[in-house]
């Protein structure tokens, strides 16, 4: 009985479920910051500055003003607009990235004899896991970005583009076919690989270094310190790719092809040329402010759920 329970608790499906559950909790708590970040990244974009050839004013600037503007002009609960596909995304993305990483760490690349995981191996495992998980979840990310921008489109007098997750899904497929669901998947996977590298490598490394070289135990204090460090690194590594990903996914399309950018490199060049290098870090503060509580919530829940479920600590 005990052997059977242990095997069940260490299976891919079991750990996948724990990862997805923890991610759903973290996403629900911090989602308004993600919406604010997305709006900030679109501000200043060439497509948003022109209306019939003339510049248009931006309704709000900065994280606080953007969040306040959304709540006051569109309604408080619009801060959770697009949360459904965001939760669907984490069922696929976080479930895959966490279990892929553990699979690569424990069964493919292998730990050292003392139980540590070399940094170079952790980098490879986290990058592959992040890109793979995001590729699976890319359609839900595309739907989420388009839904997040609907309130802004209505305020600018533009016709609605999507009404619900299902409507967004059918519209994308109708416009670009099934392949259209993976529009922007390259910058999306690039971002996920970088964010996942910053998150998993930092958390895994910091946690086990703390356990090995300090008197701290494998408890919530160690988890909070590790998750705080991972949130900082994930934000620094992932913000530029996140800006590019958001702009590519939000651009208008015709016959499944983007009308503003030909790809991630084209978007990168145009963004820097028109707005300067630091435009790539638009939304850095809300990204970090979001990633810090997201990371903390996720890792605390994940470690605690794993403990209650009887499986090994991450």
C-alpha atoms as a PDB file:
ATOM      1  CA  UNK A   1       0.000   0.000   0.000  1.00  0.00           C
ATOM      2  CA  UNK A   2       2.730   2.458   0.969  1.00  0.00           C
ATOM      3  CA  UNK A   3       4.763   1.557  -2.121  1.00  0.00           C
ATOM      4  CA  UNK A   4       1.725   2.055  -4.355  1.00  0.00           C
ATOM      5  CA  UNK A   5       0.974   5.442  -2.781  1.00  0.00           C
ATOM      6  CA  UNK A   6       4.572   6.576  -3.214  1.00  0.00           C
ATOM      7  CA  UNK A   7       4.586   5.563  -6.870  1.00  0.00           C
ATOM      8  CA  UNK A   8       1.287   7.366  -7.488  1.00  0.00           C
ATOM      9  CA  UNK A   9       2.545  10.528  -5.788  1.00  0.00           C
ATOM     10  CA  UNK A  10       5.673  10.590  -7.943  1.00  0.00           C
ATOM     11  CA  UNK A  11       3.925  10.083 -11.276  1.00  0.00           C
ATOM     12  CA  UNK A  12       3.946  12.691 -14.042  1.00  0.00           C
ATOM     13  CA  UNK A  13       0.151  13.132 -13.907  1.00  0.00           C
ATOM     14  CA  UNK A  14       0.078  13.580 -10.133  1.00  0.00           C
ATOM     15  CA  UNK A  15       2.801  16.236 -10.112  1.00  0.00           C
ATOM     16  CA  UNK A  16       1.220  17.867 -13.163  1.00  0.00           C
ATOM     17  CA  UNK A  17      -2.034  18.278 -11.238  1.00  0.00           C
ATOM     18  CA  UNK A  18      -0.256  19.769  -8.227  1.00  0.00           C
ATOM     19  CA  UNK A  19       1.620  22.246 -10.452  1.00  0.00           C
ATOM     20  CA  UNK A  20      -1.520  23.335 -12.303  1.00  0.00           C
ATOM     21  CA  UNK A  21      -3.483  23.776  -9.061  1.00  0.00           C
ATOM     22  CA  UNK A  22      -0.782  25.961  -7.488  1.00  0.00           C
ATOM     23  CA  UNK A  23      -0.507  28.050 -10.647  1.00  0.00           C
ATOM     24  CA  UNK A  24      -4.279  28.639 -10.818  1.00  0.00           C
ATOM     25  CA  UNK A  25      -4.259  29.964  -7.249  1.00  0.00           C
ATOM     26  CA  UNK A  26      -1.301  32.276  -7.950  1.00  0.00           C
ATOM     27  CA  UNK A  27      -2.764  33.516 -11.249  1.00  0.00           C
ATOM     28  CA  UNK A  28      -6.151  34.325  -9.737  1.00  0.00           C
ATOM     29  CA  UNK A  29      -4.566  36.436  -6.993  1.00  0.00           C
ATOM     30  CA  UNK A  30      -2.166  38.426  -9.191  1.00  0.00           C
ATOM     31  CA  UNK A  31      -4.024  38.648 -12.523  1.00  0.00           C
ATOM     32  CA  UNK A  32      -4.878  42.421 -12.340  1.00  0.00           C
ATOM     33  CA  UNK A  33      -1.155  43.151 -12.404  1.00  0.00           C
ATOM     34  CA  UNK A  34      -0.808  41.082 -15.576  1.00  0.00           C
ATOM     35  CA  UNK A  35      -3.600  43.055 -17.250  1.00  0.00           C
ATOM     36  CA  UNK A  36      -1.957  46.335 -16.211  1.00  0.00           C
ATOM     37  CA  UNK A  37       1.375  45.138 -17.570  1.00  0.00           C
ATOM     38  CA  UNK A  38      -0.170  44.242 -20.938  1.00  0.00           C
ATOM     39  CA  UNK A  39      -1.829  47.650 -21.299  1.00  0.00           C
ATOM     40  CA  UNK A  40       1.445  49.404 -20.448  1.00  0.00           C
ATOM     41  CA  UNK A  41       3.322  47.465 -23.097  1.00  0.00           C
ATOM     42  CA  UNK A  42       0.873  48.499 -25.810  1.00  0.00           C
ATOM     43  CA  UNK A  43       1.046  52.202 -24.909  1.00  0.00           C
ATOM     44  CA  UNK A  44       3.383  54.014 -27.269  1.00  0.00           C
ATOM     45  CA  UNK A  45       3.016  51.416 -29.987  1.00  0.00           C
ATOM     46  CA  UNK A  46       2.814  52.911 -33.466  1.00  0.00           C
ATOM     47  CA  UNK A  47      -0.586  51.390 -34.093  1.00  0.00           C
ATOM     48  CA  UNK A  48      -1.999  53.043 -30.978  1.00  0.00           C
ATOM     49  CA  UNK A  49      -0.635  56.490 -31.809  1.00  0.00           C
ATOM     50  CA  UNK A  50      -2.431  56.938 -35.091  1.00  0.00           C
ATOM     51  CA  UNK A  51      -6.060  57.284 -35.931  1.00  0.00           C
ATOM     52  CA  UNK A  52      -6.804  58.343 -39.517  1.00  0.00           C
ATOM     53  CA  UNK A  53      -3.193  59.538 -39.785  1.00  0.00           C
ATOM     54  CA  UNK A  54      -3.283  61.744 -36.681  1.00  0.00           C
ATOM     55  CA  UNK A  55      -1.713  61.094 -33.289  1.00  0.00           C
ATOM     56  CA  UNK A  56      -4.055  60.089 -30.520  1.00  0.00           C
ATOM     57  CA  UNK A  57      -3.543  60.741 -26.821  1.00  0.00           C
ATOM     58  CA  UNK A  58      -2.968  57.950 -24.357  1.00  0.00           C
ATOM     59  CA  UNK A  59      -5.586  57.826 -21.576  1.00  0.00           C
ATOM     60  CA  UNK A  60      -3.154  56.847 -18.794  1.00  0.00           C
ATOM     61  CA  UNK A  61       0.545  56.339 -18.093  1.00  0.00           C
ATOM     62  CA  UNK A  62       2.391  54.381 -15.473  1.00  0.00           C
ATOM     63  CA  UNK A  63       1.343  51.314 -13.525  1.00  0.00           C
ATOM     64  CA  UNK A  64      -0.821  52.946 -10.865  1.00  0.00           C
ATOM     65  CA  UNK A  65      -2.560  55.332 -13.263  1.00  0.00           C
ATOM     66  CA  UNK A  66      -3.120  52.518 -15.748  1.00  0.00           C
ATOM     67  CA  UNK A  67      -4.691  50.247 -13.128  1.00  0.00           C
ATOM     68  CA  UNK A  68      -6.779  53.111 -11.728  1.00  0.00           C
ATOM     69  CA  UNK A  69      -7.873  54.083 -15.239  1.00  0.00           C
ATOM     70  CA  UNK A  70      -9.029  50.547 -16.018  1.00  0.00           C
ATOM     71  CA  UNK A  71     -10.983  50.291 -12.767  1.00  0.00           C
ATOM     72  CA  UNK A  72     -12.598  53.757 -13.009  1.00  0.00           C
ATOM     73  CA  UNK A  73     -13.299  53.889 -16.748  1.00  0.00           C
ATOM     74  CA  UNK A  74     -14.139  50.252 -17.459  1.00  0.00           C
ATOM     75  CA  UNK A  75     -15.176  48.886 -14.076  1.00  0.00           C
ATOM     76  CA  UNK A  76     -13.339  47.263 -11.181  1.00  0.00           C
ATOM     77  CA  UNK A  77     -13.920  43.699 -12.326  1.00  0.00           C
ATOM     78  CA  UNK A  78     -12.447  44.524 -15.735  1.00  0.00           C
ATOM     79  CA  UNK A  79      -9.122  44.127 -13.955  1.00  0.00           C
ATOM     80  CA  UNK A  80      -9.854  40.404 -14.340  1.00  0.00           C
ATOM     81  CA  UNK A  81     -10.833  40.651 -17.996  1.00  0.00           C
ATOM     82  CA  UNK A  82      -9.346  37.679 -19.817  1.00  0.00           C
ATOM     83  CA  UNK A  83      -8.687  35.701 -16.639  1.00  0.00           C
ATOM     84  CA  UNK A  84     -10.376  32.552 -18.000  1.00  0.00           C
ATOM     85  CA  UNK A  85      -7.838  31.887 -20.785  1.00  0.00           C
ATOM     86  CA  UNK A  86      -5.088  32.889 -18.344  1.00  0.00           C
ATOM     87  CA  UNK A  87      -6.194  30.090 -16.020  1.00  0.00           C
ATOM     88  CA  UNK A  88      -6.546  27.671 -18.945  1.00  0.00           C
ATOM     89  CA  UNK A  89      -3.022  28.655 -19.990  1.00  0.00           C
ATOM     90  CA  UNK A  90      -1.540  27.719 -16.629  1.00  0.00           C
ATOM     91  CA  UNK A  91      -3.268  24.355 -16.645  1.00  0.00           C
ATOM     92  CA  UNK A  92      -1.124  23.586 -19.696  1.00  0.00           C
ATOM     93  CA  UNK A  93       1.913  25.837 -19.207  1.00  0.00           C
ATOM     94  CA  UNK A  94       2.701  25.454 -15.521  1.00  0.00           C
ATOM     95  CA  UNK A  95       1.653  21.819 -15.499  1.00  0.00           C
ATOM     96  CA  UNK A  96       4.046  21.086 -18.361  1.00  0.00           C
ATOM     97  CA  UNK A  97       6.959  23.316 -17.377  1.00  0.00           C
ATOM     98  CA  UNK A  98       7.183  22.023 -13.809  1.00  0.00           C
ATOM     99  CA  UNK A  99       6.855  18.352 -14.640  1.00  0.00           C
ATOM    100  CA  UNK A 100       9.128  18.621 -17.703  1.00  0.00           C
ATOM    101  CA  UNK A 101      11.792  20.269 -15.526  1.00  0.00           C
ATOM    102  CA  UNK A 102      11.625  17.614 -12.831  1.00  0.00           C
ATOM    103  CA  UNK A 103      11.647  14.864 -15.452  1.00  0.00           C
ATOM    104  CA  UNK A 104      14.761  16.319 -17.080  1.00  0.00           C
ATOM    105  CA  UNK A 105      16.418  17.018 -13.717  1.00  0.00           C
ATOM    106  CA  UNK A 106      15.767  13.668 -12.078  1.00  0.00           C
ATOM    107  CA  UNK A 107      15.608  11.184 -14.973  1.00  0.00           C
ATOM    108  CA  UNK A 108      17.475  12.613 -17.971  1.00  0.00           C
ATOM    109  CA  UNK A 109      20.285  14.991 -16.998  1.00  0.00           C
ATOM    110  CA  UNK A 110      20.702  13.679 -13.467  1.00  0.00           C
ATOM    111  CA  UNK A 111      21.833  15.267 -10.210  1.00  0.00           C
ATOM    112  CA  UNK A 112      25.259  15.122  -8.646  1.00  0.00           C
ATOM    113  CA  UNK A 113      25.996  12.377  -6.125  1.00  0.00           C
ATOM    114  CA  UNK A 114      25.441  14.852  -3.277  1.00  0.00           C
ATOM    115  CA  UNK A 115      21.958  15.637  -4.559  1.00  0.00           C
ATOM    116  CA  UNK A 116      22.775  19.053  -6.064  1.00  0.00           C
ATOM    117  CA  UNK A 117      21.847  19.995  -9.617  1.00  0.00           C
ATOM    118  CA  UNK A 118      24.631  21.743 -11.597  1.00  0.00           C
ATOM    119  CA  UNK A 119      23.809  25.230 -12.840  1.00  0.00           C
ATOM    120  CA  UNK A 120      24.443  24.410 -16.486  1.00  0.00           C
ATOM    121  CA  UNK A 121      22.113  21.420 -16.312  1.00  0.00           C
ATOM    122  CA  UNK A 122      19.453  23.492 -14.554  1.00  0.00           C
ATOM    123  CA  UNK A 123      19.728  26.128 -17.291  1.00  0.00           C
ATOM    124  CA  UNK A 124      19.219  23.557 -20.046  1.00  0.00           C
ATOM    125  CA  UNK A 125      16.350  21.813 -18.248  1.00  0.00           C
ATOM    126  CA  UNK A 126      14.491  25.027 -17.405  1.00  0.00           C
ATOM    127  CA  UNK A 127      14.892  26.493 -20.900  1.00  0.00           C
ATOM    128  CA  UNK A 128      13.620  23.350 -22.606  1.00  0.00           C
ATOM    129  CA  UNK A 129      10.789  22.943 -20.087  1.00  0.00           C
ATOM    130  CA  UNK A 130       9.697  26.572 -20.420  1.00  0.00           C
ATOM    131  CA  UNK A 131       9.713  26.598 -24.217  1.00  0.00           C
ATOM    132  CA  UNK A 132       7.955  23.231 -24.413  1.00  0.00           C
ATOM    133  CA  UNK A 133       5.281  24.163 -21.904  1.00  0.00           C
ATOM    134  CA  UNK A 134       4.626  27.502 -23.598  1.00  0.00           C
ATOM    135  CA  UNK A 135       4.345  25.938 -27.054  1.00  0.00           C
ATOM    136  CA  UNK A 136       1.566  23.724 -25.750  1.00  0.00           C
ATOM    137  CA  UNK A 137      -0.147  26.695 -24.064  1.00  0.00           C
ATOM    138  CA  UNK A 138       0.456  29.329 -26.783  1.00  0.00           C
ATOM    139  CA  UNK A 139      -3.146  29.401 -28.124  1.00  0.00           C
ATOM    140  CA  UNK A 140      -4.514  30.259 -24.665  1.00  0.00           C
ATOM    141  CA  UNK A 141      -1.966  33.063 -24.342  1.00  0.00           C
ATOM    142  CA  UNK A 142      -3.044  34.536 -27.680  1.00  0.00           C
ATOM    143  CA  UNK A 143      -6.695  34.494 -26.588  1.00  0.00           C
ATOM    144  CA  UNK A 144      -5.791  36.077 -23.234  1.00  0.00           C
ATOM    145  CA  UNK A 145      -3.891  38.996 -24.810  1.00  0.00           C
ATOM    146  CA  UNK A 146      -6.714  39.762 -27.228  1.00  0.00           C
ATOM    147  CA  UNK A 147      -9.320  39.702 -24.454  1.00  0.00           C
ATOM    148  CA  UNK A 148      -7.193  41.940 -22.230  1.00  0.00           C
ATOM    149  CA  UNK A 149      -7.227  44.683 -24.875  1.00  0.00           C
ATOM    150  CA  UNK A 150     -10.993  44.759 -25.463  1.00  0.00           C
ATOM    151  CA  UNK A 151     -11.752  47.374 -22.802  1.00  0.00           C
ATOM    152  CA  UNK A 152      -9.138  49.696 -24.296  1.00  0.00           C
ATOM    153  CA  UNK A 153     -10.544  49.212 -27.801  1.00  0.00           C
ATOM    154  CA  UNK A 154     -14.042  50.182 -26.655  1.00  0.00           C
ATOM    155  CA  UNK A 155     -12.752  53.328 -24.951  1.00  0.00           C
ATOM    156  CA  UNK A 156     -11.022  54.313 -28.197  1.00  0.00           C
ATOM    157  CA  UNK A 157     -14.300  53.906 -30.097  1.00  0.00           C
ATOM    158  CA  UNK A 158     -13.169  50.798 -31.945  1.00  0.00           C
ATOM    159  CA  UNK A 159     -15.573  47.929 -32.643  1.00  0.00           C
ATOM    160  CA  UNK A 160     -15.335  44.875 -30.365  1.00  0.00           C
ATOM    161  CA  UNK A 161     -12.917  42.239 -31.605  1.00  0.00           C
ATOM    162  CA  UNK A 162     -13.752  39.385 -29.246  1.00  0.00           C
ATOM    163  CA  UNK A 163     -16.628  38.805 -26.823  1.00  0.00           C
ATOM    164  CA  UNK A 164     -15.489  35.691 -24.968  1.00  0.00           C
ATOM    165  CA  UNK A 165     -12.800  33.039 -24.935  1.00  0.00           C
ATOM    166  CA  UNK A 166     -14.816  30.851 -27.289  1.00  0.00           C
ATOM    167  CA  UNK A 167     -15.505  33.767 -29.633  1.00  0.00           C
ATOM    168  CA  UNK A 168     -11.800  34.657 -29.669  1.00  0.00           C
ATOM    169  CA  UNK A 169     -10.919  31.047 -30.416  1.00  0.00           C
ATOM    170  CA  UNK A 170     -13.342  30.743 -33.332  1.00  0.00           C
ATOM    171  CA  UNK A 171     -12.365  34.159 -34.719  1.00  0.00           C
ATOM    172  CA  UNK A 172      -8.677  33.278 -34.727  1.00  0.00           C
ATOM    173  CA  UNK A 173      -9.311  29.925 -36.414  1.00  0.00           C
ATOM    174  CA  UNK A 174     -11.634  31.528 -38.971  1.00  0.00           C
ATOM    175  CA  UNK A 175      -9.072  34.211 -39.805  1.00  0.00           C
ATOM    176  CA  UNK A 176      -5.864  32.176 -39.833  1.00  0.00           C
ATOM    177  CA  UNK A 177      -6.856  28.537 -39.519  1.00  0.00           C
ATOM    178  CA  UNK A 178      -5.645  26.243 -36.756  1.00  0.00           C
ATOM    179  CA  UNK A 179      -2.103  27.478 -37.352  1.00  0.00           C
ATOM    180  CA  UNK A 180      -3.329  30.957 -36.445  1.00  0.00           C
ATOM    181  CA  UNK A 181      -3.702  29.765 -32.845  1.00  0.00           C
ATOM    182  CA  UNK A 182       0.075  29.641 -32.687  1.00  0.00           C
ATOM    183  CA  UNK A 183       0.538  33.202 -33.957  1.00  0.00           C
ATOM    184  CA  UNK A 184       3.432  34.723 -32.044  1.00  0.00           C
ATOM    185  CA  UNK A 185       4.555  31.345 -30.696  1.00  0.00           C
ATOM    186  CA  UNK A 186       8.233  32.044 -31.398  1.00  0.00           C
ATOM    187  CA  UNK A 187       8.545  35.162 -29.170  1.00  0.00           C
ATOM    188  CA  UNK A 188       6.129  33.491 -26.775  1.00  0.00           C
ATOM    189  CA  UNK A 189       8.410  30.477 -26.370  1.00  0.00           C
ATOM    190  CA  UNK A 190      11.493  32.704 -26.247  1.00  0.00           C
ATOM    191  CA  UNK A 191       9.944  34.646 -23.386  1.00  0.00           C
ATOM    192  CA  UNK A 192       8.831  31.493 -21.581  1.00  0.00           C
ATOM    193  CA  UNK A 193      12.283  29.944 -21.900  1.00  0.00           C
ATOM    194  CA  UNK A 194      13.894  33.048 -20.369  1.00  0.00           C
ATOM    195  CA  UNK A 195      11.285  33.481 -17.637  1.00  0.00           C
ATOM    196  CA  UNK A 196      11.376  29.804 -16.774  1.00  0.00           C
ATOM    197  CA  UNK A 197      15.162  29.878 -16.657  1.00  0.00           C
ATOM    198  CA  UNK A 198      15.100  32.840 -14.290  1.00  0.00           C
ATOM    199  CA  UNK A 199      12.369  31.279 -12.171  1.00  0.00           C
ATOM    200  CA  UNK A 200      13.279  27.599 -11.890  1.00  0.00           C
ATOM    201  CA  UNK A 201      17.065  27.862 -11.971  1.00  0.00           C
ATOM    202  CA  UNK A 202      17.072  30.621  -9.362  1.00  0.00           C
ATOM    203  CA  UNK A 203      14.530  28.965  -7.079  1.00  0.00           C
ATOM    204  CA  UNK A 204      16.112  25.527  -7.320  1.00  0.00           C
ATOM    205  CA  UNK A 205      19.657  26.858  -6.863  1.00  0.00           C
ATOM    206  CA  UNK A 206      18.931  29.356  -4.093  1.00  0.00           C
ATOM    207  CA  UNK A 207      16.797  26.907  -2.146  1.00  0.00           C
ATOM    208  CA  UNK A 208      19.345  24.115  -2.141  1.00  0.00           C
ATOM    209  CA  UNK A 209      22.235  26.487  -1.444  1.00  0.00           C
ATOM    210  CA  UNK A 210      20.341  27.837   1.562  1.00  0.00           C
ATOM    211  CA  UNK A 211      19.655  24.332   2.816  1.00  0.00           C
ATOM    212  CA  UNK A 212      23.269  23.271   2.282  1.00  0.00           C
ATOM    213  CA  UNK A 213      25.097  26.314   3.655  1.00  0.00           C
ATOM    214  CA  UNK A 214      22.802  27.881   6.255  1.00  0.00           C
ATOM    215  CA  UNK A 215      20.843  26.715   9.258  1.00  0.00           C
ATOM    216  CA  UNK A 216      17.539  27.307   7.442  1.00  0.00           C
ATOM    217  CA  UNK A 217      15.200  24.341   7.090  1.00  0.00           C
ATOM    218  CA  UNK A 218      13.011  23.290   4.156  1.00  0.00           C
ATOM    219  CA  UNK A 219      10.115  25.508   5.272  1.00  0.00           C
ATOM    220  CA  UNK A 220       8.175  28.605   4.247  1.00  0.00           C
ATOM    221  CA  UNK A 221      11.052  30.990   5.122  1.00  0.00           C
ATOM    222  CA  UNK A 222      13.406  29.242   2.718  1.00  0.00           C
ATOM    223  CA  UNK A 223      10.628  29.050   0.127  1.00  0.00           C
ATOM    224  CA  UNK A 224       9.865  32.788   0.404  1.00  0.00           C
ATOM    225  CA  UNK A 225      13.518  33.824   0.057  1.00  0.00           C
ATOM    226  CA  UNK A 226      14.006  31.527  -2.927  1.00  0.00           C
ATOM    227  CA  UNK A 227      10.795  32.621  -4.654  1.00  0.00           C
ATOM    228  CA  UNK A 228      11.642  36.296  -4.106  1.00  0.00           C
ATOM    229  CA  UNK A 229      14.977  35.844  -5.861  1.00  0.00           C
ATOM    230  CA  UNK A 230      13.386  33.851  -8.679  1.00  0.00           C
ATOM    231  CA  UNK A 231      10.790  36.569  -9.308  1.00  0.00           C
ATOM    232  CA  UNK A 232      13.495  39.217  -9.772  1.00  0.00           C
ATOM    233  CA  UNK A 233      15.495  37.138 -12.231  1.00  0.00           C
ATOM    234  CA  UNK A 234      12.426  36.062 -14.185  1.00  0.00           C
ATOM    235  CA  UNK A 235      11.318  39.693 -14.626  1.00  0.00           C
ATOM    236  CA  UNK A 236      14.764  40.889 -15.761  1.00  0.00           C
ATOM    237  CA  UNK A 237      15.218  38.074 -18.261  1.00  0.00           C
ATOM    238  CA  UNK A 238      11.668  37.898 -19.578  1.00  0.00           C
ATOM    239  CA  UNK A 239      10.450  41.506 -19.965  1.00  0.00           C
ATOM    240  CA  UNK A 240      11.935  42.310 -23.421  1.00  0.00           C
ATOM    241  CA  UNK A 241      10.598  39.072 -24.895  1.00  0.00           C
ATOM    242  CA  UNK A 242       7.274  39.704 -23.164  1.00  0.00           C
ATOM    243  CA  UNK A 243       6.950  43.144 -24.800  1.00  0.00           C
ATOM    244  CA  UNK A 244       7.673  41.675 -28.244  1.00  0.00           C
ATOM    245  CA  UNK A 245       5.300  38.771 -27.666  1.00  0.00           C
ATOM    246  CA  UNK A 246       2.466  41.043 -26.546  1.00  0.00           C
ATOM    247  CA  UNK A 247       2.813  43.385 -29.522  1.00  0.00           C
ATOM    248  CA  UNK A 248       2.929  40.584 -32.066  1.00  0.00           C
ATOM    249  CA  UNK A 249      -0.110  38.889 -30.553  1.00  0.00           C
ATOM    250  CA  UNK A 250      -2.102  42.124 -30.303  1.00  0.00           C
ATOM    251  CA  UNK A 251      -1.426  43.372 -33.867  1.00  0.00           C
ATOM    252  CA  UNK A 252      -4.232  43.283 -36.464  1.00  0.00           C
ATOM    253  CA  UNK A 253      -4.025  40.456 -38.982  1.00  0.00           C
ATOM    254  CA  UNK A 254      -5.172  39.758 -42.504  1.00  0.00           C
ATOM    255  CA  UNK A 255      -5.312  36.251 -43.926  1.00  0.00           C
ATOM    256  CA  UNK A 256      -3.516  35.086 -40.808  1.00  0.00           C
ATOM    257  CA  UNK A 257      -0.552  37.449 -41.322  1.00  0.00           C
ATOM    258  CA  UNK A 258       0.384  40.370 -39.074  1.00  0.00           C
ATOM    259  CA  UNK A 259      -0.048  43.846 -40.550  1.00  0.00           C
ATOM    260  CA  UNK A 260       2.493  45.616 -38.313  1.00  0.00           C
ATOM    261  CA  UNK A 261       5.321  43.131 -37.789  1.00  0.00           C
ATOM    262  CA  UNK A 262       6.749  40.295 -39.877  1.00  0.00           C
ATOM    263  CA  UNK A 263       8.144  38.514 -36.860  1.00  0.00           C
ATOM    264  CA  UNK A 264       9.869  38.908 -33.526  1.00  0.00           C
ATOM    265  CA  UNK A 265      13.080  40.381 -35.012  1.00  0.00           C
ATOM    266  CA  UNK A 266      11.097  42.910 -37.065  1.00  0.00           C
ATOM    267  CA  UNK A 267       9.088  43.893 -33.984  1.00  0.00           C
ATOM    268  CA  UNK A 268      12.294  44.202 -31.943  1.00  0.00           C
ATOM    269  CA  UNK A 269      13.933  46.492 -34.504  1.00  0.00           C
ATOM    270  CA  UNK A 270      10.850  48.682 -35.002  1.00  0.00           C
ATOM    271  CA  UNK A 271      10.267  49.029 -31.265  1.00  0.00           C
ATOM    272  CA  UNK A 272      13.844  50.145 -30.589  1.00  0.00           C
ATOM    273  CA  UNK A 273      13.920  52.423 -33.641  1.00  0.00           C
ATOM    274  CA  UNK A 274      10.614  54.167 -32.871  1.00  0.00           C
ATOM    275  CA  UNK A 275      10.670  54.232 -29.064  1.00  0.00           C
ATOM    276  CA  UNK A 276      14.225  53.521 -27.951  1.00  0.00           C
ATOM    277  CA  UNK A 277      15.904  50.543 -26.295  1.00  0.00           C
ATOM    278  CA  UNK A 278      14.200  50.948 -22.944  1.00  0.00           C
ATOM    279  CA  UNK A 279      10.803  50.477 -24.588  1.00  0.00           C
ATOM    280  CA  UNK A 280      11.725  46.791 -24.349  1.00  0.00           C
ATOM    281  CA  UNK A 281      11.419  47.161 -20.581  1.00  0.00           C
ATOM    282  CA  UNK A 282       7.966  48.746 -20.626  1.00  0.00           C
ATOM    283  CA  UNK A 283       6.012  47.107 -17.878  1.00  0.00           C
ATOM    284  CA  UNK A 284       9.137  45.932 -16.018  1.00  0.00           C
ATOM    285  CA  UNK A 285       7.899  47.266 -12.698  1.00  0.00           C
ATOM    286  CA  UNK A 286       4.407  45.712 -12.917  1.00  0.00           C
ATOM    287  CA  UNK A 287       5.973  42.532 -14.278  1.00  0.00           C
ATOM    288  CA  UNK A 288       8.262  42.341 -11.249  1.00  0.00           C
ATOM    289  CA  UNK A 289       5.541  43.465  -8.850  1.00  0.00           C
ATOM    290  CA  UNK A 290       3.345  40.765 -10.326  1.00  0.00           C
ATOM    291  CA  UNK A 291       6.025  38.077 -10.500  1.00  0.00           C
ATOM    292  CA  UNK A 292       7.111  38.619  -6.909  1.00  0.00           C
ATOM    293  CA  UNK A 293       3.695  37.784  -5.357  1.00  0.00           C
ATOM    294  CA  UNK A 294       2.946  35.282  -8.127  1.00  0.00           C
ATOM    295  CA  UNK A 295       6.185  33.435  -7.529  1.00  0.00           C
ATOM    296  CA  UNK A 296       5.778  33.574  -3.765  1.00  0.00           C
ATOM    297  CA  UNK A 297       2.144  32.388  -3.904  1.00  0.00           C
ATOM    298  CA  UNK A 298       2.920  29.654  -6.398  1.00  0.00           C
ATOM    299  CA  UNK A 299       5.967  28.212  -4.626  1.00  0.00           C
ATOM    300  CA  UNK A 300       4.451  28.363  -1.151  1.00  0.00           C
ATOM    301  CA  UNK A 301       1.295  26.640  -2.412  1.00  0.00           C
ATOM    302  CA  UNK A 302       3.247  24.148  -4.485  1.00  0.00           C
ATOM    303  CA  UNK A 303       5.602  23.123  -1.707  1.00  0.00           C
ATOM    304  CA  UNK A 304       2.768  22.956   0.830  1.00  0.00           C
ATOM    305  CA  UNK A 305       0.497  20.930  -1.461  1.00  0.00           C
ATOM    306  CA  UNK A 306       3.347  18.537  -2.246  1.00  0.00           C
ATOM    307  CA  UNK A 307       3.945  18.084   1.488  1.00  0.00           C
ATOM    308  CA  UNK A 308       0.259  17.418   2.222  1.00  0.00           C
ATOM    309  CA  UNK A 309       0.049  15.057  -0.760  1.00  0.00           C
ATOM    310  CA  UNK A 310       2.975  13.062   0.593  1.00  0.00           C
ATOM    311  CA  UNK A 311       5.310  13.564  -2.353  1.00  0.00           C
ATOM    312  CA  UNK A 312       8.906  14.759  -2.125  1.00  0.00           C
ATOM    313  CA  UNK A 313       9.820  18.441  -1.774  1.00  0.00           C
ATOM    314  CA  UNK A 314      10.769  20.236  -4.988  1.00  0.00           C
END
